[in-house]
Amino acid sequence: MAPLPDGFSYAEWNATYNGLSFGIAAMGSATIFFWLQLPNVTKSYRTALTITGIVTLIATYHYIRIFNSWSEAFTVASKDGGDYTVQLTGAPFNDGYRYVDWLLTVPLLLIELILVMKLPQEETVSLSWKLGLASALMVALGYPGEIQEDLSVRWFWWCLSMIPFCYVVFTLAVGLAESTSKQPSPAAASLVSAARYLTVLSWCTYPFVYMVKSVGLAGPAATMYEQVGYSIADVMAKAVFGVLIWAIASEKSAVEESGKLLPN
């Protein structure tokens, strides 16, 4: 929890406010959609879709907490119908909720992808443990740098967190390529590939947003870019990714029900 800089313009405050609101709406709507779709997929894929909904539910809760913390940290007023002014209330803005969220949801994101691919049980268990632990370690190593103002310390923790990050990204982009080609239909294989590469793309957004305060930006503008950037990346990595998980489960369920794929 780092102190907020003073001097926010209304545009900067409002952009962050709307970005957090967007996160709540997207995650909440996605949660309802995923759980309503559970009866429409076969039993084999309901666990993956349930986890998808849990991920967005956890994210919804934490976005509400971040949004409330942001609102409580400021007073926004207009005097005599003039321009809005933004002032700090002195209440702390707790951005640590993001890291609690990521510590819970990032491993689950990878596990739901592995589950919906329906790999052999031994491979499923092995990949779930390896990718889950690596992603949790990545988040844990990133947090100490996030709360630092010293740029050298931020860069140190950024470099450490990139080690498990690169392992996970390499596994998604290269390590799962053969398993993707073994999906039961071309449509399923295409959707799995899209889910893998969307994860890689959205994940690559986080290190760049993390570096915003390390490349010369500071003050309210840096905070705004950081909060809006993380919100967009989260929606891509959780809500949009979840839609792909649902699409994979739906496609493979249709293939199984048509008799083209024998259940394991």
C-alpha atoms as a PDB file:
ATOM      1  CA  MET A   1       0.000   0.000   0.000  1.00  0.00           C
ATOM      2  CA  ALA A   2       1.878   3.070  -1.261  1.00  0.00           C
ATOM      3  CA  PRO A   3       0.692   6.663  -0.617  1.00  0.00           C
ATOM      4  CA  LEU A   4      -1.144   8.284  -3.509  1.00  0.00           C
ATOM      5  CA  PRO A   5       0.451  11.348  -5.136  1.00  0.00           C
ATOM      6  CA  ASP A   6      -1.388  14.634  -4.858  1.00  0.00           C
ATOM      7  CA  GLY A   7      -2.499  16.741  -7.816  1.00  0.00           C
ATOM      8  CA  PHE A   8      -4.932  14.454  -9.677  1.00  0.00           C
ATOM      9  CA  SER A   9      -6.940  16.162 -12.378  1.00  0.00           C
ATOM     10  CA  TYR A  10     -10.598  15.209 -12.716  1.00  0.00           C
ATOM     11  CA  ALA A  11      -9.813  13.486 -16.036  1.00  0.00           C
ATOM     12  CA  GLU A  12      -7.138  11.291 -14.415  1.00  0.00           C
ATOM     13  CA  TRP A  13      -9.331  10.438 -11.438  1.00  0.00           C
ATOM     14  CA  ASN A  14     -12.338   9.730 -13.654  1.00  0.00           C
ATOM     15  CA  ALA A  15     -10.399   7.510 -16.075  1.00  0.00           C
ATOM     16  CA  THR A  16      -9.279   5.327 -13.169  1.00  0.00           C
ATOM     17  CA  TYR A  17     -12.789   5.347 -11.666  1.00  0.00           C
ATOM     18  CA  ASN A  18     -14.292   4.201 -14.976  1.00  0.00           C
ATOM     19  CA  GLY A  19     -11.571   1.594 -15.506  1.00  0.00           C
ATOM     20  CA  LEU A  20     -12.336   0.011 -12.134  1.00  0.00           C
ATOM     21  CA  SER A  21     -16.089   0.190 -12.834  1.00  0.00           C
ATOM     22  CA  PHE A  22     -15.488  -1.587 -16.137  1.00  0.00           C
ATOM     23  CA  GLY A  23     -13.617  -4.335 -14.294  1.00  0.00           C
ATOM     24  CA  ILE A  24     -16.527  -4.890 -11.895  1.00  0.00           C
ATOM     25  CA  ALA A  25     -19.122  -4.995 -14.679  1.00  0.00           C
ATOM     26  CA  ALA A  26     -17.103  -7.297 -16.936  1.00  0.00           C
ATOM     27  CA  MET A  27     -16.125  -9.766 -14.217  1.00  0.00           C
ATOM     28  CA  GLY A  28     -19.579  -9.863 -12.643  1.00  0.00           C
ATOM     29  CA  SER A  29     -21.368 -10.395 -15.945  1.00  0.00           C
ATOM     30  CA  ALA A  30     -18.902 -13.099 -16.957  1.00  0.00           C
ATOM     31  CA  THR A  31     -19.453 -14.974 -13.682  1.00  0.00           C
ATOM     32  CA  ILE A  32     -23.210 -15.127 -14.237  1.00  0.00           C
ATOM     33  CA  PHE A  33     -22.776 -16.230 -17.849  1.00  0.00           C
ATOM     34  CA  PHE A  34     -20.311 -19.036 -17.081  1.00  0.00           C
ATOM     35  CA  TRP A  35     -22.415 -20.565 -14.326  1.00  0.00           C
ATOM     36  CA  LEU A  36     -25.605 -20.339 -16.384  1.00  0.00           C
ATOM     37  CA  GLN A  37     -23.809 -22.327 -19.102  1.00  0.00           C
ATOM     38  CA  LEU A  38     -22.892 -25.251 -16.813  1.00  0.00           C
ATOM     39  CA  PRO A  39     -25.917 -27.409 -17.810  1.00  0.00           C
ATOM     40  CA  ASN A  40     -25.058 -26.914 -21.494  1.00  0.00           C
ATOM     41  CA  VAL A  41     -21.702 -28.741 -21.371  1.00  0.00           C
ATOM     42  CA  THR A  42     -21.028 -32.374 -20.575  1.00  0.00           C
ATOM     43  CA  LYS A  43     -19.914 -33.502 -17.122  1.00  0.00           C
ATOM     44  CA  SER A  44     -16.285 -33.785 -18.273  1.00  0.00           C
ATOM     45  CA  TYR A  45     -15.982 -30.022 -18.686  1.00  0.00           C
ATOM     46  CA  ARG A  46     -18.142 -28.683 -15.853  1.00  0.00           C
ATOM     47  CA  THR A  47     -15.213 -28.512 -13.436  1.00  0.00           C
ATOM     48  CA  ALA A  48     -13.247 -26.280 -15.826  1.00  0.00           C
ATOM     49  CA  LEU A  49     -16.260 -24.019 -16.383  1.00  0.00           C
ATOM     50  CA  THR A  50     -16.993 -23.872 -12.642  1.00  0.00           C
ATOM     51  CA  ILE A  51     -13.396 -22.787 -11.974  1.00  0.00           C
ATOM     52  CA  THR A  52     -13.755 -20.160 -14.705  1.00  0.00           C
ATOM     53  CA  GLY A  53     -16.721 -18.693 -12.844  1.00  0.00           C
ATOM     54  CA  ILE A  54     -14.854 -18.826  -9.532  1.00  0.00           C
ATOM     55  CA  VAL A  55     -11.976 -16.875 -11.093  1.00  0.00           C
ATOM     56  CA  THR A  56     -14.247 -14.059 -12.274  1.00  0.00           C
ATOM     57  CA  LEU A  57     -16.199 -14.102  -8.989  1.00  0.00           C
ATOM     58  CA  ILE A  58     -12.971 -13.619  -7.005  1.00  0.00           C
ATOM     59  CA  ALA A  59     -11.976 -10.855  -9.408  1.00  0.00           C
ATOM     60  CA  THR A  60     -15.386  -9.164  -9.043  1.00  0.00           C
ATOM     61  CA  TYR A  61     -15.029  -9.098  -5.255  1.00  0.00           C
ATOM     62  CA  HIS A  62     -11.542  -7.624  -5.365  1.00  0.00           C
ATOM     63  CA  TYR A  63     -12.484  -5.046  -7.993  1.00  0.00           C
ATOM     64  CA  ILE A  64     -15.310  -3.872  -5.742  1.00  0.00           C
ATOM     65  CA  ARG A  65     -12.821  -3.523  -2.875  1.00  0.00           C
ATOM     66  CA  ILE A  66     -10.332  -1.611  -5.069  1.00  0.00           C
ATOM     67  CA  PHE A  67     -13.135   0.609  -6.430  1.00  0.00           C
ATOM     68  CA  ASN A  68     -14.386   1.437  -2.924  1.00  0.00           C
ATOM     69  CA  SER A  69     -10.852   2.134  -1.725  1.00  0.00           C
ATOM     70  CA  TRP A  70     -10.275   4.474  -4.681  1.00  0.00           C
ATOM     71  CA  SER A  71     -13.552   6.332  -4.056  1.00  0.00           C
ATOM     72  CA  GLU A  72     -12.789   6.752  -0.342  1.00  0.00           C
ATOM     73  CA  ALA A  73      -9.317   8.136  -1.046  1.00  0.00           C
ATOM     74  CA  PHE A  74     -10.682  11.248  -2.820  1.00  0.00           C
ATOM     75  CA  THR A  75     -13.276  13.961  -2.590  1.00  0.00           C
ATOM     76  CA  VAL A  76     -14.569  15.248  -5.914  1.00  0.00           C
ATOM     77  CA  ALA A  77     -16.512  18.517  -5.874  1.00  0.00           C
ATOM     78  CA  SER A  78     -17.610  21.323  -8.151  1.00  0.00           C
ATOM     79  CA  LYS A  79     -17.885  24.812  -6.684  1.00  0.00           C
ATOM     80  CA  ASP A  80     -20.567  27.098  -8.124  1.00  0.00           C
ATOM     81  CA  GLY A  81     -20.968  24.924 -11.211  1.00  0.00           C
ATOM     82  CA  GLY A  82     -17.300  25.210 -12.175  1.00  0.00           C
ATOM     83  CA  ASP A  83     -14.789  22.514 -13.019  1.00  0.00           C
ATOM     84  CA  TYR A  84     -14.550  19.500 -10.752  1.00  0.00           C
ATOM     85  CA  THR A  85     -11.657  19.485  -8.314  1.00  0.00           C
ATOM     86  CA  VAL A  86     -10.085  16.349  -6.866  1.00  0.00           C
ATOM     87  CA  GLN A  87      -8.476  16.241  -3.448  1.00  0.00           C
ATOM     88  CA  LEU A  88      -7.032  13.464  -1.307  1.00  0.00           C
ATOM     89  CA  THR A  89      -9.012  12.611   1.816  1.00  0.00           C
ATOM     90  CA  GLY A  90      -6.060  11.046   3.589  1.00  0.00           C
ATOM     91  CA  ALA A  91      -7.644   7.604   3.485  1.00  0.00           C
ATOM     92  CA  PRO A  92      -5.184   5.025   2.097  1.00  0.00           C
ATOM     93  CA  PHE A  93      -5.724   3.489  -1.324  1.00  0.00           C
ATOM     94  CA  ASN A  94      -5.169  -0.252  -0.953  1.00  0.00           C
ATOM     95  CA  ASP A  95      -3.961  -1.649  -4.266  1.00  0.00           C
ATOM     96  CA  GLY A  96      -2.761  -4.803  -2.503  1.00  0.00           C
ATOM     97  CA  TYR A  97      -6.154  -6.328  -3.314  1.00  0.00           C
ATOM     98  CA  ARG A  98      -4.853  -6.901  -6.853  1.00  0.00           C
ATOM     99  CA  TYR A  99      -2.063  -9.145  -5.633  1.00  0.00           C
ATOM    100  CA  VAL A 100      -4.384 -11.132  -3.375  1.00  0.00           C
ATOM    101  CA  ASP A 101      -6.637 -11.581  -6.404  1.00  0.00           C
ATOM    102  CA  TRP A 102      -3.777 -12.635  -8.682  1.00  0.00           C
ATOM    103  CA  LEU A 103      -2.358 -15.051  -6.138  1.00  0.00           C
ATOM    104  CA  LEU A 104      -5.699 -16.873  -6.134  1.00  0.00           C
ATOM    105  CA  THR A 105      -6.830 -16.511  -9.741  1.00  0.00           C
ATOM    106  CA  VAL A 106      -3.688 -16.784 -11.862  1.00  0.00           C
ATOM    107  CA  PRO A 107      -2.975 -20.450 -10.944  1.00  0.00           C
ATOM    108  CA  LEU A 108      -6.684 -21.241 -11.426  1.00  0.00           C
ATOM    109  CA  LEU A 109      -6.627 -19.683 -14.908  1.00  0.00           C
ATOM    110  CA  LEU A 110      -3.926 -22.095 -15.998  1.00  0.00           C
ATOM    111  CA  ILE A 111      -5.580 -25.071 -14.326  1.00  0.00           C
ATOM    112  CA  GLU A 112      -8.895 -24.431 -16.083  1.00  0.00           C
ATOM    113  CA  LEU A 113      -7.127 -24.413 -19.463  1.00  0.00           C
ATOM    114  CA  ILE A 114      -5.384 -27.702 -18.667  1.00  0.00           C
ATOM    115  CA  LEU A 115      -8.657 -29.265 -17.506  1.00  0.00           C
ATOM    116  CA  VAL A 116     -10.627 -28.235 -20.568  1.00  0.00           C
ATOM    117  CA  MET A 117      -7.910 -29.676 -22.838  1.00  0.00           C
ATOM    118  CA  LYS A 118      -8.684 -33.089 -21.265  1.00  0.00           C
ATOM    119  CA  LEU A 119      -5.108 -34.354 -21.287  1.00  0.00           C
ATOM    120  CA  PRO A 120      -4.106 -37.731 -19.792  1.00  0.00           C
ATOM    121  CA  GLN A 121      -4.533 -37.664 -16.014  1.00  0.00           C
ATOM    122  CA  GLU A 122      -0.816 -37.872 -15.204  1.00  0.00           C
ATOM    123  CA  GLU A 123      -0.018 -34.985 -17.544  1.00  0.00           C
ATOM    124  CA  THR A 124      -2.945 -32.958 -16.202  1.00  0.00           C
ATOM    125  CA  VAL A 125      -1.778 -33.314 -12.589  1.00  0.00           C
ATOM    126  CA  SER A 126       1.867 -32.606 -13.447  1.00  0.00           C
ATOM    127  CA  LEU A 127       1.121 -29.490 -15.511  1.00  0.00           C
ATOM    128  CA  SER A 128      -1.369 -28.171 -12.982  1.00  0.00           C
ATOM    129  CA  TRP A 129       1.200 -28.325 -10.187  1.00  0.00           C
ATOM    130  CA  LYS A 130       4.083 -26.944 -12.246  1.00  0.00           C
ATOM    131  CA  LEU A 131       2.212 -24.052 -13.850  1.00  0.00           C
ATOM    132  CA  GLY A 132       0.166 -23.297 -10.741  1.00  0.00           C
ATOM    133  CA  LEU A 133       3.206 -23.027  -8.476  1.00  0.00           C
ATOM    134  CA  ALA A 134       5.232 -21.091 -11.051  1.00  0.00           C
ATOM    135  CA  SER A 135       2.459 -18.547 -11.557  1.00  0.00           C
ATOM    136  CA  ALA A 136       1.928 -18.111  -7.791  1.00  0.00           C
ATOM    137  CA  LEU A 137       5.683 -17.581  -7.358  1.00  0.00           C
ATOM    138  CA  MET A 138       5.603 -14.974 -10.139  1.00  0.00           C
ATOM    139  CA  VAL A 139       2.892 -12.985  -8.336  1.00  0.00           C
ATOM    140  CA  ALA A 140       4.597 -13.308  -4.943  1.00  0.00           C
ATOM    141  CA  LEU A 141       7.908 -12.030  -6.336  1.00  0.00           C
ATOM    142  CA  GLY A 142       6.224  -9.096  -8.064  1.00  0.00           C
ATOM    143  CA  TYR A 143       4.529  -7.666  -4.974  1.00  0.00           C
ATOM    144  CA  PRO A 144       7.627  -6.450  -3.042  1.00  0.00           C
ATOM    145  CA  GLY A 145       8.647  -4.365  -6.044  1.00  0.00           C
ATOM    146  CA  GLU A 146       5.150  -2.967  -6.572  1.00  0.00           C
ATOM    147  CA  ILE A 147       5.137  -1.244  -3.194  1.00  0.00           C
ATOM    148  CA  GLN A 148       8.636   0.253  -3.594  1.00  0.00           C
ATOM    149  CA  GLU A 149       9.429   3.792  -4.679  1.00  0.00           C
ATOM    150  CA  ASP A 150      13.135   2.984  -5.191  1.00  0.00           C
ATOM    151  CA  LEU A 151      13.456   2.189  -8.910  1.00  0.00           C
ATOM    152  CA  SER A 152      16.451  -0.113  -8.484  1.00  0.00           C
ATOM    153  CA  VAL A 153      14.469  -2.234  -6.028  1.00  0.00           C
ATOM    154  CA  ARG A 154      11.461  -2.321  -8.379  1.00  0.00           C
ATOM    155  CA  TRP A 155      13.667  -3.511 -11.226  1.00  0.00           C
ATOM    156  CA  PHE A 156      15.245  -6.187  -9.005  1.00  0.00           C
ATOM    157  CA  TRP A 157      11.906  -7.747  -8.103  1.00  0.00           C
ATOM    158  CA  TRP A 158      10.649  -7.341 -11.676  1.00  0.00           C
ATOM    159  CA  CYS A 159      13.587  -9.384 -12.950  1.00  0.00           C
ATOM    160  CA  LEU A 160      13.013 -12.093 -10.342  1.00  0.00           C
ATOM    161  CA  SER A 161       9.312 -12.375 -11.154  1.00  0.00           C
ATOM    162  CA  MET A 162      10.108 -12.664 -14.865  1.00  0.00           C
ATOM    163  CA  ILE A 163      11.878 -16.013 -14.308  1.00  0.00           C
ATOM    164  CA  PRO A 164       8.692 -18.007 -13.493  1.00  0.00           C
ATOM    165  CA  PHE A 165       6.793 -15.757 -15.924  1.00  0.00           C
ATOM    166  CA  CYS A 166       9.004 -16.848 -18.828  1.00  0.00           C
ATOM    167  CA  TYR A 167       8.649 -20.510 -17.841  1.00  0.00           C
ATOM    168  CA  VAL A 168       4.844 -20.308 -17.892  1.00  0.00           C
ATOM    169  CA  VAL A 169       4.720 -18.360 -21.159  1.00  0.00           C
ATOM    170  CA  PHE A 170       7.134 -20.798 -22.842  1.00  0.00           C
ATOM    171  CA  THR A 171       5.026 -23.762 -21.697  1.00  0.00           C
ATOM    172  CA  LEU A 172       1.845 -22.161 -23.046  1.00  0.00           C
ATOM    173  CA  ALA A 173       3.345 -21.085 -26.355  1.00  0.00           C
ATOM    174  CA  VAL A 174       5.543 -24.107 -27.088  1.00  0.00           C
ATOM    175  CA  GLY A 175       5.084 -26.884 -24.548  1.00  0.00           C
ATOM    176  CA  LEU A 176       1.359 -27.381 -25.169  1.00  0.00           C
ATOM    177  CA  ALA A 177       1.525 -27.205 -28.963  1.00  0.00           C
ATOM    178  CA  GLU A 178       1.538 -30.990 -29.449  1.00  0.00           C
ATOM    179  CA  SER A 179      -1.358 -31.510 -27.033  1.00  0.00           C
ATOM    180  CA  THR A 180      -3.343 -28.831 -28.850  1.00  0.00           C
ATOM    181  CA  SER A 181      -2.994 -30.682 -32.144  1.00  0.00           C
ATOM    182  CA  LYS A 182      -4.587 -33.762 -30.539  1.00  0.00           C
ATOM    183  CA  GLN A 183      -7.899 -32.051 -29.784  1.00  0.00           C
ATOM    184  CA  PRO A 184     -10.967 -33.902 -31.127  1.00  0.00           C
ATOM    185  CA  SER A 185     -11.896 -31.425 -33.857  1.00  0.00           C
ATOM    186  CA  PRO A 186     -10.239 -28.628 -35.843  1.00  0.00           C
ATOM    187  CA  ALA A 187     -12.566 -26.115 -34.183  1.00  0.00           C
ATOM    188  CA  ALA A 188     -11.559 -27.302 -30.697  1.00  0.00           C
ATOM    189  CA  ALA A 189      -7.867 -27.197 -31.605  1.00  0.00           C
ATOM    190  CA  SER A 190      -8.281 -23.665 -32.962  1.00  0.00           C
ATOM    191  CA  LEU A 191     -10.065 -22.504 -29.805  1.00  0.00           C
ATOM    192  CA  VAL A 192      -7.418 -24.059 -27.541  1.00  0.00           C
ATOM    193  CA  SER A 193      -4.703 -22.295 -29.555  1.00  0.00           C
ATOM    194  CA  ALA A 194      -6.602 -19.021 -29.240  1.00  0.00           C
ATOM    195  CA  ALA A 195      -6.885 -19.495 -25.450  1.00  0.00           C
ATOM    196  CA  ARG A 196      -3.163 -20.238 -25.132  1.00  0.00           C
ATOM    197  CA  TYR A 197      -2.102 -17.238 -27.169  1.00  0.00           C
ATOM    198  CA  LEU A 198      -4.618 -14.909 -25.535  1.00  0.00           C
ATOM    199  CA  THR A 199      -3.107 -15.876 -22.185  1.00  0.00           C
ATOM    200  CA  VAL A 200       0.394 -15.151 -23.483  1.00  0.00           C
ATOM    201  CA  LEU A 201      -0.729 -11.819 -24.983  1.00  0.00           C
ATOM    202  CA  SER A 202      -2.630 -10.650 -21.911  1.00  0.00           C
ATOM    203  CA  TRP A 203       0.128 -11.789 -19.559  1.00  0.00           C
ATOM    204  CA  CYS A 204       2.723  -9.839 -21.539  1.00  0.00           C
ATOM    205  CA  THR A 205       0.717  -6.698 -20.756  1.00  0.00           C
ATOM    206  CA  TYR A 206       1.359  -6.987 -17.011  1.00  0.00           C
ATOM    207  CA  PRO A 207       5.182  -6.585 -17.031  1.00  0.00           C
ATOM    208  CA  PHE A 208       4.870  -3.444 -19.153  1.00  0.00           C
ATOM    209  CA  VAL A 209       2.222  -1.916 -16.875  1.00  0.00           C
ATOM    210  CA  TYR A 210       4.395  -2.855 -13.890  1.00  0.00           C
ATOM    211  CA  MET A 211       7.250  -0.856 -15.437  1.00  0.00           C
ATOM    212  CA  VAL A 212       5.194   2.327 -15.850  1.00  0.00           C
ATOM    213  CA  LYS A 213       6.668   3.811 -12.667  1.00  0.00           C
ATOM    214  CA  SER A 214      10.165   2.660 -13.632  1.00  0.00           C
ATOM    215  CA  VAL A 215      10.540   4.460 -16.960  1.00  0.00           C
ATOM    216  CA  GLY A 216      10.217   8.101 -15.992  1.00  0.00           C
ATOM    217  CA  LEU A 217       6.484   8.388 -15.395  1.00  0.00           C
ATOM    218  CA  ALA A 218       5.429   9.493 -11.930  1.00  0.00           C
ATOM    219  CA  GLY A 219       2.632  11.145 -10.052  1.00  0.00           C
ATOM    220  CA  PRO A 220      -1.065  10.955 -10.938  1.00  0.00           C
ATOM    221  CA  ALA A 221      -0.482  10.077 -14.608  1.00  0.00           C
ATOM    222  CA  ALA A 222       1.563   6.997 -13.692  1.00  0.00           C
ATOM    223  CA  THR A 223      -1.092   5.848 -11.205  1.00  0.00           C
ATOM    224  CA  MET A 224      -3.834   6.309 -13.786  1.00  0.00           C
ATOM    225  CA  TYR A 225      -1.976   4.355 -16.500  1.00  0.00           C
ATOM    226  CA  GLU A 226      -1.164   1.610 -14.021  1.00  0.00           C
ATOM    227  CA  GLN A 227      -4.726   1.160 -12.760  1.00  0.00           C
ATOM    228  CA  VAL A 228      -6.382   1.358 -16.196  1.00  0.00           C
ATOM    229  CA  GLY A 229      -3.728  -0.899 -17.741  1.00  0.00           C
ATOM    230  CA  TYR A 230      -4.166  -3.577 -15.093  1.00  0.00           C
ATOM    231  CA  SER A 231      -7.953  -3.395 -15.430  1.00  0.00           C
ATOM    232  CA  ILE A 232      -7.844  -3.969 -19.200  1.00  0.00           C
ATOM    233  CA  ALA A 233      -5.319  -6.794 -18.839  1.00  0.00           C
ATOM    234  CA  ASP A 234      -7.437  -8.466 -16.140  1.00  0.00           C
ATOM    235  CA  VAL A 235     -10.583  -8.406 -18.266  1.00  0.00           C
ATOM    236  CA  MET A 236      -8.703  -9.970 -21.169  1.00  0.00           C
ATOM    237  CA  ALA A 237      -6.980 -12.593 -19.004  1.00  0.00           C
ATOM    238  CA  LYS A 238     -10.100 -13.603 -17.052  1.00  0.00           C
ATOM    239  CA  ALA A 239     -13.415 -12.653 -18.664  1.00  0.00           C
ATOM    240  CA  VAL A 240     -12.403 -12.938 -22.344  1.00  0.00           C
ATOM    241  CA  PHE A 241     -10.227 -15.976 -21.648  1.00  0.00           C
ATOM    242  CA  GLY A 242     -13.167 -17.525 -19.799  1.00  0.00           C
ATOM    243  CA  VAL A 243     -15.383 -17.111 -22.850  1.00  0.00           C
ATOM    244  CA  LEU A 244     -12.835 -19.138 -24.813  1.00  0.00           C
ATOM    245  CA  ILE A 245     -12.841 -21.826 -22.103  1.00  0.00           C
ATOM    246  CA  TRP A 246     -16.642 -21.986 -22.389  1.00  0.00           C
ATOM    247  CA  ALA A 247     -16.392 -22.177 -26.197  1.00  0.00           C
ATOM    248  CA  ILE A 248     -13.888 -25.049 -25.983  1.00  0.00           C
ATOM    249  CA  ALA A 249     -16.076 -26.924 -23.496  1.00  0.00           C
ATOM    250  CA  SER A 250     -19.149 -26.361 -25.662  1.00  0.00           C
ATOM    251  CA  GLU A 251     -17.427 -27.528 -28.849  1.00  0.00           C
ATOM    252  CA  LYS A 252     -15.952 -30.650 -27.264  1.00  0.00           C
ATOM    253  CA  SER A 253     -19.262 -31.461 -25.586  1.00  0.00           C
ATOM    254  CA  ALA A 254     -20.991 -31.300 -28.969  1.00  0.00           C
ATOM    255  CA  VAL A 255     -18.364 -33.604 -30.480  1.00  0.00           C
ATOM    256  CA  GLU A 256     -18.746 -36.128 -27.664  1.00  0.00           C
ATOM    257  CA  GLU A 257     -22.509 -36.070 -27.836  1.00  0.00           C
ATOM    258  CA  SER A 258     -22.468 -36.650 -31.569  1.00  0.00           C
ATOM    259  CA  GLY A 259     -20.455 -39.833 -31.025  1.00  0.00           C
ATOM    260  CA  LYS A 260     -17.289 -38.604 -32.729  1.00  0.00           C
ATOM    261  CA  LEU A 261     -15.291 -38.814 -29.493  1.00  0.00           C
ATOM    262  CA  LEU A 262     -15.408 -41.724 -27.055  1.00  0.00           C
ATOM    263  CA  PRO A 263     -15.437 -40.636 -23.411  1.00  0.00           C
ATOM    264  CA  ASN A 264     -12.349 -41.519 -21.402  1.00  0.00           C
END
